[in-house]
Amino acid sequence: MKLQWFKKAGWIYIPTSFAGIVITAGILFFCVTVFIAIDRNSHSVSDTLYGIFPYFASAITILFWIASHTAAHTSDPQ
């Protein structure tokens, strides 16, 4: 049986299990924490955007990779 933590809905993945929700919540918590830490020392909006970009891009890429490998696809037999 294949792990099915996420369900593909167009271009995004929706968590369908407790593990998927925990991973998504962890990534969101990480992104909020990074935003607060970087925004505290930024002098402008562009400083904040340049500061958070590498962290957000990495976190979202990791989330997308996990979701794509644990998603239920429409072509999978059930």
PDB file of N, CA and C in Angstrom:
ATOM      1  N   MET A   1       0.841  -1.177   0.000  1.00  0.00           N
ATOM      2  CA  MET A   1       0.000   0.000   0.000  1.00  0.00           C
ATOM      3  C   MET A   1       0.891   1.247   0.000  1.00  0.00           C
ATOM      4  N   LYS A   2       0.558   2.162  -0.834  1.00  0.00           N
ATOM      5  CA  LYS A   2       1.349   3.385  -0.977  1.00  0.00           C
ATOM      6  C   LYS A   2       0.889   4.438   0.039  1.00  0.00           C
ATOM      7  N   LEU A   3       1.847   5.197   0.557  1.00  0.00           N
ATOM      8  CA  LEU A   3       1.502   6.300   1.460  1.00  0.00           C
ATOM      9  C   LEU A   3       0.693   7.346   0.700  1.00  0.00           C
ATOM     10  N   GLN A   4      -0.372   7.838   1.291  1.00  0.00           N
ATOM     11  CA  GLN A   4      -1.183   8.867   0.663  1.00  0.00           C
ATOM     12  C   GLN A   4      -1.440   9.985   1.664  1.00  0.00           C
ATOM     13  N   TRP A   5      -0.436  10.840   1.821  1.00  0.00           N
ATOM     14  CA  TRP A   5      -0.529  11.952   2.757  1.00  0.00           C
ATOM     15  C   TRP A   5      -1.173  13.167   2.127  1.00  0.00           C
ATOM     16  N   PHE A   6      -1.103  13.283   0.794  1.00  0.00           N
ATOM     17  CA  PHE A   6      -1.617  14.444   0.073  1.00  0.00           C
ATOM     18  C   PHE A   6      -2.463  13.997  -1.102  1.00  0.00           C
ATOM     19  N   LYS A   7      -3.292  14.925  -1.581  1.00  0.00           N
ATOM     20  CA  LYS A   7      -4.087  14.692  -2.782  1.00  0.00           C
ATOM     21  C   LYS A   7      -3.803  15.827  -3.751  1.00  0.00           C
ATOM     22  N   LYS A   8      -3.537  15.479  -5.001  1.00  0.00           N
ATOM     23  CA  LYS A   8      -3.225  16.485  -6.013  1.00  0.00           C
ATOM     24  C   LYS A   8      -4.522  17.149  -6.456  1.00  0.00           C
ATOM     25  N   ALA A   9      -4.520  18.478  -6.423  1.00  0.00           N
ATOM     26  CA  ALA A   9      -5.672  19.267  -6.854  1.00  0.00           C
ATOM     27  C   ALA A   9      -5.164  20.368  -7.775  1.00  0.00           C
ATOM     28  N   GLY A  10      -5.074  20.071  -9.053  1.00  0.00           N
ATOM     29  CA  GLY A  10      -4.521  21.047  -9.985  1.00  0.00           C
ATOM     30  C   GLY A  10      -3.017  21.133  -9.803  1.00  0.00           C
ATOM     31  N   TRP A  11      -2.541  22.329  -9.515  1.00  0.00           N
ATOM     32  CA  TRP A  11      -1.098  22.542  -9.326  1.00  0.00           C
ATOM     33  C   TRP A  11      -0.665  22.421  -7.876  1.00  0.00           C
ATOM     34  N   ILE A  12      -1.594  22.265  -6.959  1.00  0.00           N
ATOM     35  CA  ILE A  12      -1.258  22.216  -5.536  1.00  0.00           C
ATOM     36  C   ILE A  12      -1.560  20.837  -4.968  1.00  0.00           C
ATOM     37  N   TYR A  13      -1.086  20.603  -3.766  1.00  0.00           N
ATOM     38  CA  TYR A  13      -1.347  19.369  -3.048  1.00  0.00           C
ATOM     39  C   TYR A  13      -2.068  19.712  -1.752  1.00  0.00           C
ATOM     40  N   ILE A  14      -3.109  18.957  -1.453  1.00  0.00           N
ATOM     41  CA  ILE A  14      -3.904  19.185  -0.244  1.00  0.00           C
ATOM     42  C   ILE A  14      -3.620  18.030   0.718  1.00  0.00           C
ATOM     43  N   PRO A  15      -3.271  18.347   1.988  1.00  0.00           N
ATOM     44  CA  PRO A  15      -3.010  17.261   2.939  1.00  0.00           C
ATOM     45  C   PRO A  15      -4.297  16.490   3.238  1.00  0.00           C
ATOM     46  N   THR A  16      -4.212  15.154   3.209  1.00  0.00           N
ATOM     47  CA  THR A  16      -5.384  14.317   3.467  1.00  0.00           C
ATOM     48  C   THR A  16      -5.193  13.396   4.662  1.00  0.00           C
ATOM     49  N   SER A  17      -4.053  13.456   5.305  1.00  0.00           N
ATOM     50  CA  SER A  17      -3.821  12.619   6.480  1.00  0.00           C
ATOM     51  C   SER A  17      -3.182  13.474   7.578  1.00  0.00           C
ATOM     52  N   PHE A  18      -3.104  12.886   8.743  1.00  0.00           N
ATOM     53  CA  PHE A  18      -2.504  13.599   9.871  1.00  0.00           C
ATOM     54  C   PHE A  18      -1.046  13.940   9.597  1.00  0.00           C
ATOM     55  N   ALA A  19      -0.325  13.025   8.971  1.00  0.00           N
ATOM     56  CA  ALA A  19       1.090  13.279   8.655  1.00  0.00           C
ATOM     57  C   ALA A  19       1.229  14.446   7.684  1.00  0.00           C
ATOM     58  N   GLY A  20       0.359  14.507   6.694  1.00  0.00           N
ATOM     59  CA  GLY A  20       0.392  15.619   5.741  1.00  0.00           C
ATOM     60  C   GLY A  20       0.092  16.950   6.401  1.00  0.00           C
ATOM     61  N   ILE A  21      -0.857  16.951   7.320  1.00  0.00           N
ATOM     62  CA  ILE A  21      -1.208  18.184   8.040  1.00  0.00           C
ATOM     63  C   ILE A  21      -0.049  18.625   8.927  1.00  0.00           C
ATOM     64  N   VAL A  22       0.606  17.681   9.593  1.00  0.00           N
ATOM     65  CA  VAL A  22       1.739  18.011  10.472  1.00  0.00           C
ATOM     66  C   VAL A  22       2.894  18.594   9.659  1.00  0.00           C
ATOM     67  N   ILE A  23       3.203  17.990   8.518  1.00  0.00           N
ATOM     68  CA  ILE A  23       4.295  18.495   7.681  1.00  0.00           C
ATOM     69  C   ILE A  23       3.973  19.884   7.155  1.00  0.00           C
ATOM     70  N   THR A  24       2.752  20.083   6.680  1.00  0.00           N
ATOM     71  CA  THR A  24       2.339  21.393   6.168  1.00  0.00           C
ATOM     72  C   THR A  24       2.370  22.444   7.270  1.00  0.00           C
ATOM     73  N   ALA A  25       1.860  22.103   8.456  1.00  0.00           N
ATOM     74  CA  ALA A  25       1.877  23.045   9.575  1.00  0.00           C
ATOM     75  C   ALA A  25       3.307  23.372   9.997  1.00  0.00           C
ATOM     76  N   GLY A  26       4.187  22.385   9.981  1.00  0.00           N
ATOM     77  CA  GLY A  26       5.591  22.622  10.332  1.00  0.00           C
ATOM     78  C   GLY A  26       6.267  23.567   9.358  1.00  0.00           C
ATOM     79  N   ILE A  27       6.014  23.383   8.071  1.00  0.00           N
ATOM     80  CA  ILE A  27       6.593  24.278   7.058  1.00  0.00           C
ATOM     81  C   ILE A  27       6.031  25.693   7.227  1.00  0.00           C
ATOM     82  N   LEU A  28       4.737  25.810   7.465  1.00  0.00           N
ATOM     83  CA  LEU A  28       4.139  27.136   7.665  1.00  0.00           C
ATOM     84  C   LEU A  28       4.696  27.819   8.915  1.00  0.00           C
ATOM     85  N   PHE A  29       4.856  27.054  10.001  1.00  0.00           N
ATOM     86  CA  PHE A  29       5.429  27.606  11.223  1.00  0.00           C
ATOM     87  C   PHE A  29       6.864  28.079  10.984  1.00  0.00           C
ATOM     88  N   PHE A  30       7.636  27.285  10.249  1.00  0.00           N
ATOM     89  CA  PHE A  30       9.004  27.665   9.908  1.00  0.00           C
ATOM     90  C   PHE A  30       9.020  28.968   9.107  1.00  0.00           C
ATOM     91  N   CYS A  31       8.141  29.079   8.108  1.00  0.00           N
ATOM     92  CA  CYS A  31       8.102  30.282   7.271  1.00  0.00           C
ATOM     93  C   CYS A  31       7.702  31.520   8.073  1.00  0.00           C
ATOM     94  N   VAL A  32       6.730  31.387   8.965  1.00  0.00           N
ATOM     95  CA  VAL A  32       6.321  32.522   9.801  1.00  0.00           C
ATOM     96  C   VAL A  32       7.458  32.943  10.726  1.00  0.00           C
ATOM     97  N   THR A  33       8.135  31.977  11.318  1.00  0.00           N
ATOM     98  CA  THR A  33       9.258  32.274  12.210  1.00  0.00           C
ATOM     99  C   THR A  33      10.386  32.980  11.461  1.00  0.00           C
ATOM    100  N   VAL A  34      10.710  32.501  10.275  1.00  0.00           N
ATOM    101  CA  VAL A  34      11.756  33.125   9.460  1.00  0.00           C
ATOM    102  C   VAL A  34      11.351  34.540   9.089  1.00  0.00           C
ATOM    103  N   PHE A  35      10.098  34.727   8.695  1.00  0.00           N
ATOM    104  CA  PHE A  35       9.629  36.061   8.330  1.00  0.00           C
ATOM    105  C   PHE A  35       9.776  37.038   9.493  1.00  0.00           C
ATOM    106  N   ILE A  36       9.351  36.621  10.674  1.00  0.00           N
ATOM    107  CA  ILE A  36       9.431  37.503  11.848  1.00  0.00           C
ATOM    108  C   ILE A  36      10.884  37.838  12.172  1.00  0.00           C
ATOM    109  N   ALA A  37      11.764  36.839  12.133  1.00  0.00           N
ATOM    110  CA  ALA A  37      13.179  37.060  12.455  1.00  0.00           C
ATOM    111  C   ALA A  37      13.848  37.988  11.452  1.00  0.00           C
ATOM    112  N   ILE A  38      13.551  37.829  10.177  1.00  0.00           N
ATOM    113  CA  ILE A  38      14.204  38.651   9.160  1.00  0.00           C
ATOM    114  C   ILE A  38      13.586  40.040   9.103  1.00  0.00           C
ATOM    115  N   ASP A  39      12.282  40.119   9.264  1.00  0.00           N
ATOM    116  CA  ASP A  39      11.612  41.420   9.199  1.00  0.00           C
ATOM    117  C   ASP A  39      12.005  42.318  10.372  1.00  0.00           C
ATOM    118  N   ARG A  40      12.384  41.723  11.478  1.00  0.00           N
ATOM    119  CA  ARG A  40      12.772  42.499  12.660  1.00  0.00           C
ATOM    120  C   ARG A  40      13.985  43.387  12.374  1.00  0.00           C
ATOM    121  N   ASN A  41      14.894  42.923  11.520  1.00  0.00           N
ATOM    122  CA  ASN A  41      16.123  43.661  11.236  1.00  0.00           C
ATOM    123  C   ASN A  41      16.139  44.317   9.864  1.00  0.00           C
ATOM    124  N   SER A  42      15.037  44.255   9.130  1.00  0.00           N
ATOM    125  CA  SER A  42      14.993  44.821   7.783  1.00  0.00           C
ATOM    126  C   SER A  42      14.647  46.300   7.840  1.00  0.00           C
ATOM    127  N   HIS A  43      15.139  47.019   6.842  1.00  0.00           N
ATOM    128  CA  HIS A  43      14.889  48.447   6.761  1.00  0.00           C
ATOM    129  C   HIS A  43      13.862  48.797   5.694  1.00  0.00           C
ATOM    130  N   SER A  44      13.524  47.819   4.849  1.00  0.00           N
ATOM    131  CA  SER A  44      12.551  48.067   3.793  1.00  0.00           C
ATOM    132  C   SER A  44      11.880  46.758   3.396  1.00  0.00           C
ATOM    133  N   VAL A  45      10.858  46.883   2.590  1.00  0.00           N
ATOM    134  CA  VAL A  45      10.154  45.696   2.115  1.00  0.00           C
ATOM    135  C   VAL A  45      11.088  44.832   1.266  1.00  0.00           C
ATOM    136  N   SER A  46      11.910  45.470   0.451  1.00  0.00           N
ATOM    137  CA  SER A  46      12.821  44.692  -0.391  1.00  0.00           C
ATOM    138  C   SER A  46      13.856  43.942   0.445  1.00  0.00           C
ATOM    139  N   ASP A  47      14.302  44.515   1.556  1.00  0.00           N
ATOM    140  CA  ASP A  47      15.203  43.793   2.457  1.00  0.00           C
ATOM    141  C   ASP A  47      14.533  42.520   2.975  1.00  0.00           C
ATOM    142  N   THR A  48      13.281  42.642   3.360  1.00  0.00           N
ATOM    143  CA  THR A  48      12.545  41.489   3.866  1.00  0.00           C
ATOM    144  C   THR A  48      12.381  40.438   2.779  1.00  0.00           C
ATOM    145  N   LEU A  49      11.974  40.854   1.583  1.00  0.00           N
ATOM    146  CA  LEU A  49      11.770  39.895   0.499  1.00  0.00           C
ATOM    147  C   LEU A  49      13.064  39.192   0.106  1.00  0.00           C
ATOM    148  N   TYR A  50      14.160  39.950  -0.002  1.00  0.00           N
ATOM    149  CA  TYR A  50      15.444  39.325  -0.315  1.00  0.00           C
ATOM    150  C   TYR A  50      15.888  38.386   0.799  1.00  0.00           C
ATOM    151  N   GLY A  51      15.567  38.714   2.027  1.00  0.00           N
ATOM    152  CA  GLY A  51      15.977  37.877   3.156  1.00  0.00           C
ATOM    153  C   GLY A  51      15.193  36.582   3.275  1.00  0.00           C
ATOM    154  N   ILE A  52      13.885  36.631   3.023  1.00  0.00           N
ATOM    155  CA  ILE A  52      13.063  35.431   3.208  1.00  0.00           C
ATOM    156  C   ILE A  52      13.071  34.514   2.002  1.00  0.00           C
ATOM    157  N   PHE A  53      13.411  35.033   0.825  1.00  0.00           N
ATOM    158  CA  PHE A  53      13.293  34.233  -0.391  1.00  0.00           C
ATOM    159  C   PHE A  53      14.017  32.890  -0.332  1.00  0.00           C
ATOM    160  N   PRO A  54      15.291  32.834   0.063  1.00  0.00           N
ATOM    161  CA  PRO A  54      15.961  31.522   0.050  1.00  0.00           C
ATOM    162  C   PRO A  54      15.323  30.512   1.006  1.00  0.00           C
ATOM    163  N   TYR A  55      14.852  30.979   2.151  1.00  0.00           N
ATOM    164  CA  TYR A  55      14.233  30.083   3.125  1.00  0.00           C
ATOM    165  C   TYR A  55      12.866  29.604   2.640  1.00  0.00           C
ATOM    166  N   PHE A  56      12.051  30.533   2.150  1.00  0.00           N
ATOM    167  CA  PHE A  56      10.715  30.172   1.667  1.00  0.00           C
ATOM    168  C   PHE A  56      10.814  29.257   0.455  1.00  0.00           C
ATOM    169  N   ALA A  57      11.688  29.571  -0.483  1.00  0.00           N
ATOM    170  CA  ALA A  57      11.816  28.756  -1.691  1.00  0.00           C
ATOM    171  C   ALA A  57      12.276  27.339  -1.333  1.00  0.00           C
ATOM    172  N   SER A  58      13.217  27.223  -0.426  1.00  0.00           N
ATOM    173  CA  SER A  58      13.696  25.903  -0.007  1.00  0.00           C
ATOM    174  C   SER A  58      12.605  25.121   0.715  1.00  0.00           C
ATOM    175  N   ALA A  59      11.908  25.765   1.627  1.00  0.00           N
ATOM    176  CA  ALA A  59      10.867  25.089   2.399  1.00  0.00           C
ATOM    177  C   ALA A  59       9.720  24.633   1.496  1.00  0.00           C
ATOM    178  N   ILE A  60       9.302  25.479   0.580  1.00  0.00           N
ATOM    179  CA  ILE A  60       8.194  25.128  -0.313  1.00  0.00           C
ATOM    180  C   ILE A  60       8.628  24.033  -1.286  1.00  0.00           C
ATOM    181  N   THR A  61       9.877  24.053  -1.721  1.00  0.00           N
ATOM    182  CA  THR A  61      10.385  22.996  -2.592  1.00  0.00           C
ATOM    183  C   THR A  61      10.391  21.652  -1.871  1.00  0.00           C
ATOM    184  N   ILE A  62      10.835  21.641  -0.626  1.00  0.00           N
ATOM    185  CA  ILE A  62      10.836  20.408   0.162  1.00  0.00           C
ATOM    186  C   ILE A  62       9.412  19.916   0.377  1.00  0.00           C
ATOM    187  N   LEU A  63       8.484  20.818   0.713  1.00  0.00           N
ATOM    188  CA  LEU A  63       7.084  20.431   0.893  1.00  0.00           C
ATOM    189  C   LEU A  63       6.508  19.862  -0.396  1.00  0.00           C
ATOM    190  N   PHE A  64       6.783  20.499  -1.538  1.00  0.00           N
ATOM    191  CA  PHE A  64       6.290  20.021  -2.826  1.00  0.00           C
ATOM    192  C   PHE A  64       6.865  18.644  -3.153  1.00  0.00           C
ATOM    193  N   TRP A  65       8.137  18.422  -2.869  1.00  0.00           N
ATOM    194  CA  TRP A  65       8.756  17.134  -3.141  1.00  0.00           C
ATOM    195  C   TRP A  65       8.120  16.031  -2.294  1.00  0.00           C
ATOM    196  N   ILE A  66       7.945  16.299  -0.992  1.00  0.00           N
ATOM    197  CA  ILE A  66       7.309  15.309  -0.114  1.00  0.00           C
ATOM    198  C   ILE A  66       5.886  15.032  -0.584  1.00  0.00           C
ATOM    199  N   ALA A  67       5.148  16.090  -0.901  1.00  0.00           N
ATOM    200  CA  ALA A  67       3.762  15.918  -1.324  1.00  0.00           C
ATOM    201  C   ALA A  67       3.667  15.144  -2.633  1.00  0.00           C
ATOM    202  N   SER A  68       4.554  15.422  -3.567  1.00  0.00           N
ATOM    203  CA  SER A  68       4.485  14.733  -4.857  1.00  0.00           C
ATOM    204  C   SER A  68       4.820  13.249  -4.739  1.00  0.00           C
ATOM    205  N   HIS A  69       5.624  12.890  -3.747  1.00  0.00           N
ATOM    206  CA  HIS A  69       5.981  11.475  -3.572  1.00  0.00           C
ATOM    207  C   HIS A  69       5.025  10.709  -2.652  1.00  0.00           C
ATOM    208  N   THR A  70       4.114  11.415  -1.989  1.00  0.00           N
ATOM    209  CA  THR A  70       3.154  10.751  -1.099  1.00  0.00           C
ATOM    210  C   THR A  70       1.730  11.118  -1.451  1.00  0.00           C
ATOM    211  N   ALA A  71       1.491  11.500  -2.708  1.00  0.00           N
ATOM    212  CA  ALA A  71       0.162  11.925  -3.132  1.00  0.00           C
ATOM    213  C   ALA A  71      -0.610  10.797  -3.791  1.00  0.00           C
ATOM    214  N   ALA A  72      -1.920  10.874  -3.630  1.00  0.00           N
ATOM    215  CA  ALA A  72      -2.811   9.967  -4.338  1.00  0.00           C
ATOM    216  C   ALA A  72      -3.104  10.574  -5.700  1.00  0.00           C
ATOM    217  N   HIS A  73      -2.734   9.873  -6.753  1.00  0.00           N
ATOM    218  CA  HIS A  73      -2.968  10.352  -8.113  1.00  0.00           C
ATOM    219  C   HIS A  73      -4.223   9.703  -8.665  1.00  0.00           C
ATOM    220  N   THR A  74      -4.843  10.346  -9.609  1.00  0.00           N
ATOM    221  CA  THR A  74      -6.087   9.825 -10.171  1.00  0.00           C
ATOM    222  C   THR A  74      -5.861   8.542 -10.954  1.00  0.00           C
ATOM    223  N   SER A  75      -4.646   8.291 -11.467  1.00  0.00           N
ATOM    224  CA  SER A  75      -4.369   7.089 -12.228  1.00  0.00           C
ATOM    225  C   SER A  75      -4.015   5.892 -11.346  1.00  0.00           C
ATOM    226  N   ASP A  76      -3.856   6.094 -10.021  1.00  0.00           N
ATOM    227  CA  ASP A  76      -3.516   5.002  -9.127  1.00  0.00           C
ATOM    228  C   ASP A  76      -4.737   4.112  -8.893  1.00  0.00           C
ATOM    229  N   PRO A  77      -4.581   2.799  -8.984  1.00  0.00           N
ATOM    230  CA  PRO A  77      -5.709   1.915  -8.665  1.00  0.00           C
ATOM    231  C   PRO A  77      -5.958   1.928  -7.159  1.00  0.00           C
ATOM    232  N   GLN A  78      -7.203   1.852  -6.815  1.00  0.00           N
ATOM    233  CA  GLN A  78      -7.547   1.913  -5.379  1.00  0.00           C
ATOM    234  C   GLN A  78      -8.034   0.611  -4.861  1.00  0.00           C
TER     235      GLN A  78
END
